[in-house]
């Protein structure tokens, strides 16, 4: 059981770690997709928690899409400007 005083801090830390892990995975997907053996490299990156291969393929396709790249860039700019203020 977590003390109520630490609950907010713990949830914040978990959120940060989750985003870091997801960011590392997306970065690895982008690198693997440029390799000659991209299919096998992308398959090796699939987490054990994703049992459905089609679900993984859809996730990879979304992360490599132009729309995802633009959205990520816009969020980066918003965060950057927020920190600068």
Protein backbone atom coordinates (compact mmCIF):
# COMPACT_ATOMS: atom_id res chain seq x y z
CA UNK A 1 0.00 0.00 0.00
CA UNK A 2 1.27 3.45 -0.89
CA UNK A 3 0.97 6.30 1.57
CA UNK A 4 -1.42 8.99 0.28
CA UNK A 5 1.34 11.60 0.54
CA UNK A 6 3.40 9.71 -2.05
CA UNK A 7 0.56 8.61 -4.32
CA UNK A 8 0.72 11.65 -6.64
CA UNK A 9 4.50 11.47 -6.87
CA UNK A 10 4.40 7.75 -7.63
CA UNK A 11 1.79 8.20 -10.37
CA UNK A 12 3.80 11.02 -11.91
CA UNK A 13 6.96 8.89 -11.90
CA UNK A 14 5.09 5.97 -13.47
CA UNK A 15 3.78 8.26 -16.20
CA UNK A 16 7.26 9.55 -16.95
CA UNK A 17 8.69 6.01 -17.12
CA UNK A 18 5.81 4.87 -19.38
CA UNK A 19 6.40 7.74 -21.83
CA UNK A 20 10.16 7.11 -21.80
CA UNK A 21 9.68 3.42 -22.59
CA UNK A 22 7.20 4.18 -25.35
CA UNK A 23 9.54 6.80 -26.82
CA UNK A 24 12.45 4.34 -26.82
CA UNK A 25 10.25 1.74 -28.54
CA UNK A 26 9.13 4.19 -31.23
CA UNK A 27 12.75 5.26 -31.81
CA UNK A 28 13.79 1.61 -32.16
CA UNK A 29 10.92 1.00 -34.60
CA UNK A 30 12.04 3.93 -36.75
CA UNK A 31 15.64 2.66 -36.85
CA UNK A 32 14.63 -0.96 -37.51
CA UNK A 33 12.33 0.09 -40.36
CA UNK A 34 15.29 1.49 -42.31
CA UNK A 35 17.28 -1.77 -42.22
CA UNK A 36 17.33 -4.21 -45.15
CA UNK A 37 15.83 -6.92 -42.90
CA UNK A 38 13.22 -4.57 -41.43
CA UNK A 39 10.49 -7.21 -41.05
CA UNK A 40 12.56 -9.49 -38.84
CA UNK A 41 13.97 -6.60 -36.81
CA UNK A 42 10.49 -5.15 -36.22
CA UNK A 43 9.23 -8.59 -35.20
CA UNK A 44 12.02 -8.83 -32.59
CA UNK A 45 10.88 -5.52 -31.08
CA UNK A 46 7.33 -6.77 -30.46
CA UNK A 47 6.67 -6.83 -26.71
CA UNK A 48 5.53 -10.14 -25.21
CA UNK A 49 2.40 -8.41 -23.94
CA UNK A 50 1.14 -8.02 -27.53
CA UNK A 51 -0.06 -11.45 -28.60
CA UNK A 52 -1.79 -10.47 -31.83
CA UNK A 53 0.70 -9.93 -34.66
CA UNK A 54 -1.81 -7.82 -36.61
CA UNK A 55 -2.18 -5.53 -33.60
CA UNK A 56 1.62 -5.10 -33.53
CA UNK A 57 1.76 -4.45 -37.27
CA UNK A 58 -0.95 -1.80 -36.94
CA UNK A 59 0.97 -0.17 -34.08
CA UNK A 60 4.19 -0.09 -36.16
CA UNK A 61 2.34 1.28 -39.19
CA UNK A 62 0.83 4.07 -37.06
CA UNK A 63 4.20 5.01 -35.54
CA UNK A 64 5.83 5.16 -38.98
CA UNK A 65 3.01 7.21 -40.50
CA UNK A 66 3.52 10.81 -41.55
CA UNK A 67 0.56 11.87 -39.40
CA UNK A 68 2.24 10.46 -36.27
CA UNK A 69 5.47 12.27 -37.11
CA UNK A 70 3.71 15.60 -37.55
CA UNK A 71 1.72 15.16 -34.35
CA UNK A 72 4.87 14.25 -32.41
CA UNK A 73 6.66 17.31 -33.75
CA UNK A 74 3.77 19.62 -32.82
CA UNK A 75 3.68 18.19 -29.27
CA UNK A 76 7.46 18.66 -29.01
CA UNK A 77 7.12 22.34 -29.99
CA UNK A 78 4.27 22.89 -27.52
CA UNK A 79 6.27 21.30 -24.67
CA UNK A 80 9.40 23.23 -25.64
CA UNK A 81 7.53 26.54 -25.65
CA UNK A 82 5.86 25.72 -22.34
CA UNK A 83 9.22 25.06 -20.71
CA UNK A 84 10.69 28.28 -22.12
CA UNK A 85 7.93 30.46 -20.64
